[in-house]
PDB file of N, CA and C in Angstrom:
ATOM      1  N   MET A   1     -21.631-115.462 -60.230  1.00  0.00           N
ATOM      2  CA  MET A   1     -20.062-116.403 -60.426  1.00  0.00           C
ATOM      3  C   MET A   1     -19.879-117.550 -60.542  1.00  0.00           C
ATOM      4  N   LEU A   2     -19.436-117.856 -62.078  1.00  0.00           N
ATOM      5  CA  LEU A   2     -19.252-119.102 -62.377  1.00  0.00           C
ATOM      6  C   LEU A   2     -18.295-119.853 -61.568  1.00  0.00           C
ATOM      7  N   ASN A   3     -18.390-121.292 -61.312  1.00  0.00           N
ATOM      8  CA  ASN A   3     -17.774-122.363 -60.606  1.00  0.00           C
ATOM      9  C   ASN A   3     -16.479-122.826 -61.337  1.00  0.00           C
ATOM     10  N   TYR A   4     -15.038-123.023 -61.835  1.00  0.00           N
ATOM     11  CA  TYR A   4     -14.899-123.468 -62.687  1.00  0.00           C
ATOM     12  C   TYR A   4     -14.552-124.924 -62.340  1.00  0.00           C
ATOM     13  N   ASN A   5     -15.122-125.416 -61.260  1.00  0.00           N
ATOM     14  CA  ASN A   5     -15.413-126.849 -61.280  1.00  0.00           C
ATOM     15  C   ASN A   5     -16.675-127.393 -62.165  1.00  0.00           C
ATOM     16  N   HIS A   6     -17.769-126.315 -62.050  1.00  0.00           N
ATOM     17  CA  HIS A   6     -18.863-126.780 -62.905  1.00  0.00           C
ATOM     18  C   HIS A   6     -18.646-126.795 -64.079  1.00  0.00           C
ATOM     19  N   LEU A   7     -17.720-125.502 -64.549  1.00  0.00           N
ATOM     20  CA  LEU A   7     -17.492-125.445 -66.268  1.00  0.00           C
ATOM     21  C   LEU A   7     -17.020-127.070 -65.985  1.00  0.00           C
ATOM     22  N   TYR A   8     -15.822-127.342 -65.551  1.00  0.00           N
ATOM     23  CA  TYR A   8     -15.029-128.470 -65.537  1.00  0.00           C
ATOM     24  C   TYR A   8     -16.216-129.749 -66.003  1.00  0.00           C
ATOM     25  N   TYR A   9     -16.820-129.949 -65.166  1.00  0.00           N
ATOM     26  CA  TYR A   9     -18.058-131.228 -65.464  1.00  0.00           C
ATOM     27  C   TYR A   9     -18.616-131.099 -66.268  1.00  0.00           C
ATOM     28  N   PHE A  10     -19.009-129.661 -66.306  1.00  0.00           N
ATOM     29  CA  PHE A  10     -19.912-129.546 -67.926  1.00  0.00           C
ATOM     30  C   PHE A  10     -19.262-129.929 -69.217  1.00  0.00           C
ATOM     31  N   TYR A  11     -17.960-129.636 -69.150  1.00  0.00           N
ATOM     32  CA  TYR A  11     -17.049-129.660 -70.235  1.00  0.00           C
ATOM     33  C   TYR A  11     -16.996-131.208 -70.902  1.00  0.00           C
ATOM     34  N   VAL A  12     -16.522-131.971 -69.507  1.00  0.00           N
ATOM     35  CA  VAL A  12     -16.144-133.424 -69.355  1.00  0.00           C
ATOM     36  C   VAL A  12     -17.608-133.918 -70.081  1.00  0.00           C
ATOM     37  N   THR A  13     -18.582-133.711 -69.365  1.00  0.00           N
ATOM     38  CA  THR A  13     -19.886-134.215 -69.644  1.00  0.00           C
ATOM     39  C   THR A  13     -20.375-134.243 -71.036  1.00  0.00           C
ATOM     40  N   ALA A  14     -20.288-132.936 -71.722  1.00  0.00           N
ATOM     41  CA  ALA A  14     -20.366-132.558 -73.169  1.00  0.00           C
ATOM     42  C   ALA A  14     -19.328-133.578 -73.716  1.00  0.00           C
ATOM     43  N   LYS A  15     -18.092-133.413 -73.694  1.00  0.00           N
ATOM     44  CA  LYS A  15     -17.248-134.341 -74.535  1.00  0.00           C
ATOM     45  C   LYS A  15     -17.905-135.647 -74.731  1.00  0.00           C
ATOM     46  N   LEU A  16     -18.101-136.138 -72.999  1.00  0.00           N
ATOM     47  CA  LEU A  16     -18.663-137.773 -73.951  1.00  0.00           C
ATOM     48  C   LEU A  16     -20.186-137.974 -73.888  1.00  0.00           C
ATOM     49  N   GLU A  17     -20.857-136.824 -73.984  1.00  0.00           N
ATOM     50  CA  GLU A  17     -22.164-137.073 -74.253  1.00  0.00           C
ATOM     51  C   GLU A  17     -22.841-138.005 -73.171  1.00  0.00           C
ATOM     52  N   SER A  18     -22.117-137.931 -71.990  1.00  0.00           N
ATOM     53  CA  SER A  18     -23.135-138.963 -71.027  1.00  0.00           C
ATOM     54  C   SER A  18     -22.788-138.761 -69.554  1.00  0.00           C
ATOM     55  N   VAL A  19     -23.847-138.439 -68.729  1.00  0.00           N
ATOM     56  CA  VAL A  19     -23.365-137.986 -67.350  1.00  0.00           C
ATOM     57  C   VAL A  19     -22.991-139.280 -66.865  1.00  0.00           C
ATOM     58  N   THR A  20     -23.065-140.680 -66.804  1.00  0.00           N
ATOM     59  CA  THR A  20     -22.783-141.697 -66.776  1.00  0.00           C
ATOM     60  C   THR A  20     -21.297-141.685 -66.443  1.00  0.00           C
ATOM     61  N   ARG A  21     -21.163-141.783 -67.875  1.00  0.00           N
ATOM     62  CA  ARG A  21     -19.425-142.004 -68.510  1.00  0.00           C
ATOM     63  C   ARG A  21     -18.438-140.810 -67.707  1.00  0.00           C
ATOM     64  N   ALA A  22     -19.240-139.543 -67.602  1.00  0.00           N
ATOM     65  CA  ALA A  22     -18.426-138.206 -67.105  1.00  0.00           C
ATOM     66  C   ALA A  22     -18.335-138.644 -65.682  1.00  0.00           C
ATOM     67  N   ALA A  23     -19.398-138.992 -64.652  1.00  0.00           N
ATOM     68  CA  ALA A  23     -19.580-139.307 -63.426  1.00  0.00           C
ATOM     69  C   ALA A  23     -18.057-140.223 -63.253  1.00  0.00           C
ATOM     70  N   GLN A  24     -17.795-141.047 -64.067  1.00  0.00           N
ATOM     71  CA  GLN A  24     -16.978-142.288 -64.008  1.00  0.00           C
ATOM     72  C   GLN A  24     -15.541-141.833 -63.995  1.00  0.00           C
ATOM     73  N   GLU A  25     -15.760-140.918 -65.260  1.00  0.00           N
ATOM     74  CA  GLU A  25     -14.311-140.345 -65.342  1.00  0.00           C
ATOM     75  C   GLU A  25     -13.603-139.453 -64.629  1.00  0.00           C
ATOM     76  N   LEU A  26     -14.595-138.691 -63.800  1.00  0.00           N
ATOM     77  CA  LEU A  26     -14.372-137.489 -62.744  1.00  0.00           C
ATOM     78  C   LEU A  26     -14.569-137.936 -61.556  1.00  0.00           C
ATOM     79  N   SER A  27     -14.499-139.684 -61.361  1.00  0.00           N
ATOM     80  CA  SER A  27     -14.430-140.161 -60.496  1.00  0.00           C
ATOM     81  C   SER A  27     -15.468-139.628 -58.939  1.00  0.00           C
ATOM     82  N   ILE A  28     -16.936-139.180 -59.377  1.00  0.00           N
ATOM     83  CA  ILE A  28     -17.499-138.930 -58.583  1.00  0.00           C
ATOM     84  C   ILE A  28     -18.875-139.772 -58.821  1.00  0.00           C
ATOM     85  N   GLN A  29     -20.180-139.505 -57.722  1.00  0.00           N
ATOM     86  CA  GLN A  29     -21.053-139.915 -58.259  1.00  0.00           C
ATOM     87  C   GLN A  29     -22.086-139.461 -58.927  1.00  0.00           C
ATOM     88  N   GLN A  30     -22.843-140.145 -59.765  1.00  0.00           N
ATOM     89  CA  GLN A  30     -23.842-139.389 -60.796  1.00  0.00           C
ATOM     90  C   GLN A  30     -24.618-138.786 -60.283  1.00  0.00           C
ATOM     91  N   PRO A  31     -25.217-138.969 -59.130  1.00  0.00           N
ATOM     92  CA  PRO A  31     -25.964-137.774 -58.712  1.00  0.00           C
ATOM     93  C   PRO A  31     -25.497-136.453 -58.167  1.00  0.00           C
ATOM     94  N   SER A  32     -24.479-136.828 -57.465  1.00  0.00           N
ATOM     95  CA  SER A  32     -23.847-135.517 -57.488  1.00  0.00           C
ATOM     96  C   SER A  32     -23.390-134.566 -58.789  1.00  0.00           C
ATOM     97  N   LEU A  33     -22.693-135.358 -59.923  1.00  0.00           N
ATOM     98  CA  LEU A  33     -22.482-134.660 -61.065  1.00  0.00           C
ATOM     99  C   LEU A  33     -23.773-134.024 -61.471  1.00  0.00           C
ATOM    100  N   SER A  34     -24.862-134.832 -61.674  1.00  0.00           N
ATOM    101  CA  SER A  34     -26.351-133.934 -61.799  1.00  0.00           C
ATOM    102  C   SER A  34     -26.797-132.403 -61.319  1.00  0.00           C
ATOM    103  N   ALA A  35     -26.421-132.776 -60.032  1.00  0.00           N
ATOM    104  CA  ALA A  35     -26.726-131.669 -59.038  1.00  0.00           C
ATOM    105  C   ALA A  35     -25.821-130.527 -59.848  1.00  0.00           C
ATOM    106  N   GLN A  36     -24.434-131.026 -59.612  1.00  0.00           N
ATOM    107  CA  GLN A  36     -23.510-129.911 -60.075  1.00  0.00           C
ATOM    108  C   GLN A  36     -23.841-129.003 -61.859  1.00  0.00           C
ATOM    109  N   LEU A  37     -24.369-130.233 -62.568  1.00  0.00           N
ATOM    110  CA  LEU A  37     -24.375-129.554 -63.677  1.00  0.00           C
ATOM    111  C   LEU A  37     -26.035-128.586 -63.559  1.00  0.00           C
ATOM    112  N   LYS A  38     -26.827-129.275 -63.061  1.00  0.00           N
ATOM    113  CA  LYS A  38     -28.220-128.599 -62.301  1.00  0.00           C
ATOM    114  C   LYS A  38     -27.644-126.994 -61.955  1.00  0.00           C
ATOM    115  N   THR A  39     -26.751-126.888 -61.088  1.00  0.00           N
ATOM    116  CA  THR A  39     -26.211-125.311 -60.618  1.00  0.00           C
ATOM    117  C   THR A  39     -26.114-124.617 -61.566  1.00  0.00           C
ATOM    118  N   LEU A  40     -24.995-125.346 -62.404  1.00  0.00           N
ATOM    119  CA  LEU A  40     -24.490-124.785 -63.651  1.00  0.00           C
ATOM    120  C   LEU A  40     -25.637-123.830 -64.293  1.00  0.00           C
ATOM    121  N   GLU A  41     -26.410-124.609 -64.659  1.00  0.00           N
ATOM    122  CA  GLU A  41     -27.535-124.357 -65.713  1.00  0.00           C
ATOM    123  C   GLU A  41     -28.278-123.141 -65.019  1.00  0.00           C
ATOM    124  N   ASN A  42     -28.381-123.338 -63.783  1.00  0.00           N
ATOM    125  CA  ASN A  42     -29.392-122.515 -62.599  1.00  0.00           C
ATOM    126  C   ASN A  42     -28.333-121.121 -62.729  1.00  0.00           C
ATOM    127  N   ASN A  43     -27.015-120.894 -62.523  1.00  0.00           N
ATOM    128  CA  ASN A  43     -26.500-119.728 -62.337  1.00  0.00           C
ATOM    129  C   ASN A  43     -26.336-119.123 -63.685  1.00  0.00           C
ATOM    130  N   LEU A  44     -26.498-119.977 -64.761  1.00  0.00           N
ATOM    131  CA  LEU A  44     -26.259-119.346 -66.064  1.00  0.00           C
ATOM    132  C   LEU A  44     -28.135-118.927 -66.850  1.00  0.00           C
ATOM    133  N   ASN A  45     -28.769-119.708 -65.934  1.00  0.00           N
ATOM    134  CA  ASN A  45     -30.277-119.465 -66.196  1.00  0.00           C
ATOM    135  C   ASN A  45     -30.592-119.722 -67.846  1.00  0.00           C
ATOM    136  N   GLN A  46     -29.732-120.912 -68.158  1.00  0.00           N
ATOM    137  CA  GLN A  46     -29.867-121.612 -69.505  1.00  0.00           C
ATOM    138  C   GLN A  46     -29.914-122.953 -69.170  1.00  0.00           C
ATOM    139  N   ASP A  47     -30.877-123.832 -70.082  1.00  0.00           N
ATOM    140  CA  ASP A  47     -30.752-125.144 -70.177  1.00  0.00           C
ATOM    141  C   ASP A  47     -29.685-125.527 -71.005  1.00  0.00           C
ATOM    142  N   LEU A  48     -28.442-126.366 -70.358  1.00  0.00           N
ATOM    143  CA  LEU A  48     -27.171-126.623 -71.517  1.00  0.00           C
ATOM    144  C   LEU A  48     -27.578-127.898 -71.933  1.00  0.00           C
ATOM    145  N   PHE A  49     -28.314-129.102 -71.685  1.00  0.00           N
ATOM    146  CA  PHE A  49     -28.638-130.227 -72.203  1.00  0.00           C
ATOM    147  C   PHE A  49     -29.884-130.608 -72.501  1.00  0.00           C
ATOM    148  N   MET A  50     -30.367-131.373 -73.456  1.00  0.00           N
ATOM    149  CA  MET A  50     -31.679-132.001 -73.782  1.00  0.00           C
ATOM    150  C   MET A  50     -31.392-133.344 -73.778  1.00  0.00           C
ATOM    151  N   LYS A  51     -32.440-133.835 -73.227  1.00  0.00           N
ATOM    152  CA  LYS A  51     -32.511-135.362 -73.263  1.00  0.00           C
ATOM    153  C   LYS A  51     -32.981-135.779 -74.888  1.00  0.00           C
ATOM    154  N   VAL A  52     -32.176-136.477 -75.295  1.00  0.00           N
ATOM    155  CA  VAL A  52     -32.701-137.403 -76.319  1.00  0.00           C
ATOM    156  C   VAL A  52     -33.063-138.833 -76.266  1.00  0.00           C
ATOM    157  N   GLY A  53     -34.209-139.546 -75.813  1.00  0.00           N
ATOM    158  CA  GLY A  53     -34.165-140.620 -75.655  1.00  0.00           C
ATOM    159  C   GLY A  53     -33.289-141.139 -74.294  1.00  0.00           C
ATOM    160  N   ARG A  54     -32.537-141.822 -74.388  1.00  0.00           N
ATOM    161  CA  ARG A  54     -31.917-141.911 -73.166  1.00  0.00           C
ATOM    162  C   ARG A  54     -30.303-141.592 -73.059  1.00  0.00           C
ATOM    163  N   GLN A  55     -29.909-140.882 -73.850  1.00  0.00           N
ATOM    164  CA  GLN A  55     -28.797-139.655 -74.493  1.00  0.00           C
ATOM    165  C   GLN A  55     -29.130-138.109 -73.878  1.00  0.00           C
ATOM    166  N   ILE A  56     -28.003-137.730 -73.740  1.00  0.00           N
ATOM    167  CA  ILE A  56     -27.808-136.340 -73.885  1.00  0.00           C
ATOM    168  C   ILE A  56     -27.322-135.466 -74.884  1.00  0.00           C
ATOM    169  N   ARG A  57     -27.811-134.359 -75.400  1.00  0.00           N
ATOM    170  CA  ARG A  57     -27.413-133.777 -76.487  1.00  0.00           C
ATOM    171  C   ARG A  57     -27.238-131.977 -75.713  1.00  0.00           C
ATOM    172  N   LEU A  58     -26.296-131.512 -76.475  1.00  0.00           N
ATOM    173  CA  LEU A  58     -26.154-129.819 -75.905  1.00  0.00           C
ATOM    174  C   LEU A  58     -27.227-129.314 -76.755  1.00  0.00           C
ATOM    175  N   THR A  59     -27.983-128.129 -75.608  1.00  0.00           N
ATOM    176  CA  THR A  59     -28.790-127.109 -76.492  1.00  0.00           C
ATOM    177  C   THR A  59     -27.779-126.322 -77.171  1.00  0.00           C
ATOM    178  N   GLY A  60     -28.327-125.259 -78.106  1.00  0.00           N
ATOM    179  CA  GLY A  60     -27.538-124.163 -78.696  1.00  0.00           C
ATOM    180  C   GLY A  60     -26.837-123.540 -78.003  1.00  0.00           C
ATOM    181  N   GLU A  61     -27.315-122.960 -76.653  1.00  0.00           N
ATOM    182  CA  GLU A  61     -26.950-122.498 -75.318  1.00  0.00           C
ATOM    183  C   GLU A  61     -25.826-123.384 -74.873  1.00  0.00           C
ATOM    184  N   GLY A  62     -25.656-124.606 -74.891  1.00  0.00           N
ATOM    185  CA  GLY A  62     -24.895-125.231 -73.857  1.00  0.00           C
ATOM    186  C   GLY A  62     -23.397-125.737 -75.263  1.00  0.00           C
ATOM    187  N   GLN A  63     -23.933-125.389 -76.603  1.00  0.00           N
ATOM    188  CA  GLN A  63     -22.867-125.461 -77.291  1.00  0.00           C
ATOM    189  C   GLN A  63     -21.810-124.189 -77.594  1.00  0.00           C
ATOM    190  N   VAL A  64     -22.584-122.889 -77.338  1.00  0.00           N
ATOM    191  CA  VAL A  64     -21.914-121.449 -76.926  1.00  0.00           C
ATOM    192  C   VAL A  64     -20.918-121.874 -75.843  1.00  0.00           C
ATOM    193  N   VAL A  65     -21.448-122.440 -74.517  1.00  0.00           N
ATOM    194  CA  VAL A  65     -20.685-122.595 -73.538  1.00  0.00           C
ATOM    195  C   VAL A  65     -19.426-123.701 -73.799  1.00  0.00           C
ATOM    196  N   PHE A  66     -19.678-124.659 -74.567  1.00  0.00           N
ATOM    197  CA  PHE A  66     -18.882-125.574 -74.621  1.00  0.00           C
ATOM    198  C   PHE A  66     -17.682-124.937 -75.477  1.00  0.00           C
ATOM    199  N   LYS A  67     -18.049-124.296 -76.269  1.00  0.00           N
ATOM    200  CA  LYS A  67     -16.994-123.596 -77.094  1.00  0.00           C
ATOM    201  C   LYS A  67     -16.002-122.867 -76.335  1.00  0.00           C
ATOM    202  N   TYR A  68     -16.551-122.196 -75.262  1.00  0.00           N
ATOM    203  CA  TYR A  68     -15.736-121.167 -74.323  1.00  0.00           C
ATOM    204  C   TYR A  68     -15.029-122.240 -73.285  1.00  0.00           C
ATOM    205  N   CYS A  69     -15.753-123.402 -73.051  1.00  0.00           N
ATOM    206  CA  CYS A  69     -15.098-124.084 -71.966  1.00  0.00           C
ATOM    207  C   CYS A  69     -13.763-124.871 -72.893  1.00  0.00           C
ATOM    208  N   GLN A  70     -13.733-125.438 -74.224  1.00  0.00           N
ATOM    209  CA  GLN A  70     -12.721-125.742 -74.980  1.00  0.00           C
ATOM    210  C   GLN A  70     -11.631-124.811 -74.940  1.00  0.00           C
ATOM    211  N   ARG A  71     -11.823-123.223 -75.435  1.00  0.00           N
ATOM    212  CA  ARG A  71     -10.499-122.483 -75.145  1.00  0.00           C
ATOM    213  C   ARG A  71      -9.695-122.334 -73.612  1.00  0.00           C
ATOM    214  N   ILE A  72     -11.227-122.608 -72.808  1.00  0.00           N
ATOM    215  CA  ILE A  72     -10.182-122.096 -71.364  1.00  0.00           C
ATOM    216  C   ILE A  72      -9.288-123.724 -71.021  1.00  0.00           C
ATOM    217  N   PHE A  73     -10.014-124.738 -71.357  1.00  0.00           N
ATOM    218  CA  PHE A  73      -9.531-125.870 -70.732  1.00  0.00           C
ATOM    219  C   PHE A  73      -7.917-126.050 -71.894  1.00  0.00           C
ATOM    220  N   GLY A  74      -8.386-125.790 -73.216  1.00  0.00           N
ATOM    221  CA  GLY A  74      -7.130-125.640 -74.138  1.00  0.00           C
ATOM    222  C   GLY A  74      -6.125-125.020 -73.530  1.00  0.00           C
ATOM    223  N   ALA A  75      -6.448-123.818 -73.325  1.00  0.00           N
ATOM    224  CA  ALA A  75      -5.543-122.924 -72.619  1.00  0.00           C
ATOM    225  C   ALA A  75      -4.711-123.489 -71.240  1.00  0.00           C
ATOM    226  N   ALA A  76      -5.612-123.872 -70.426  1.00  0.00           N
ATOM    227  CA  ALA A  76      -4.746-124.763 -69.407  1.00  0.00           C
ATOM    228  C   ALA A  76      -4.214-125.662 -69.853  1.00  0.00           C
ATOM    229  N   ARG A  77      -4.377-126.557 -70.472  1.00  0.00           N
ATOM    230  CA  ARG A  77      -3.501-127.933 -71.364  1.00  0.00           C
ATOM    231  C   ARG A  77      -1.954-127.425 -71.625  1.00  0.00           C
ATOM    232  N   ASN A  78      -2.210-126.226 -72.355  1.00  0.00           N
ATOM    233  CA  ASN A  78      -1.325-125.329 -72.922  1.00  0.00           C
ATOM    234  C   ASN A  78      -0.195-124.858 -72.099  1.00  0.00           C
ATOM    235  N   ALA A  79      -0.642-124.553 -70.796  1.00  0.00           N
ATOM    236  CA  ALA A  79       0.065-124.155 -69.660  1.00  0.00           C
ATOM    237  C   ALA A  79       0.855-124.902 -68.921  1.00  0.00           C
ATOM    238  N   ALA A  80       0.139-126.097 -68.809  1.00  0.00           N
ATOM    239  CA  ALA A  80       0.535-127.093 -68.089  1.00  0.00           C
ATOM    240  C   ALA A  80       1.805-127.955 -68.851  1.00  0.00           C
ATOM    241  N   SER A  81       1.652-127.692 -70.309  1.00  0.00           N
ATOM    242  CA  SER A  81       2.814-128.590 -71.432  1.00  0.00           C
ATOM    243  C   SER A  81       3.776-127.492 -71.112  1.00  0.00           C
ATOM    244  N   PHE A  82       3.596-126.339 -71.354  1.00  0.00           N
ATOM    245  CA  PHE A  82       4.732-125.335 -71.092  1.00  0.00           C
ATOM    246  C   PHE A  82       5.656-125.295 -69.934  1.00  0.00           C
ATOM    247  N   ASP A  83       5.003-125.689 -68.764  1.00  0.00           N
ATOM    248  CA  ASP A  83       5.626-125.657 -67.792  1.00  0.00           C
ATOM    249  C   ASP A  83       6.584-127.127 -67.727  1.00  0.00           C
ATOM    250  N   LYS A  84       6.231-127.826 -67.916  1.00  0.00           N
ATOM    251  CA  LYS A  84       6.513-129.394 -68.393  1.00  0.00           C
ATOM    252  C   LYS A  84       8.210-129.154 -69.180  1.00  0.00           C
ATOM    253  N   GLN A  85       8.065-127.898 -70.074  1.00  0.00           N
ATOM    254  CA  GLN A  85       8.889-128.240 -71.125  1.00  0.00           C
ATOM    255  C   GLN A  85      10.111-127.497 -70.541  1.00  0.00           C
ATOM    256  N   ARG A  86      10.181-126.952 -69.102  1.00  0.00           N
ATOM    257  CA  ARG A  86      11.115-126.160 -68.673  1.00  0.00           C
ATOM    258  C   ARG A  86      12.010-126.927 -68.212  1.00  0.00           C
TER     259      ARG A  86
END
């Protein structure tokens, strides 16, 4: 079962291409974020990130999951803006 928070953490980390910056944006500790991302990878049985020097990049599987997250969180933003228009 996928966890919405894990997907959101992944989404923010992938957008920022940095676990450290994502942890700051999400107001959580970097080790906690890393553990949550690892849990998501284990649940999906896929590596979603690869390290390139000191940076991270999405794997092919990570790119697919990121596209789904863009749809999910894009729809959530649209729903939130719809509610504000009322």
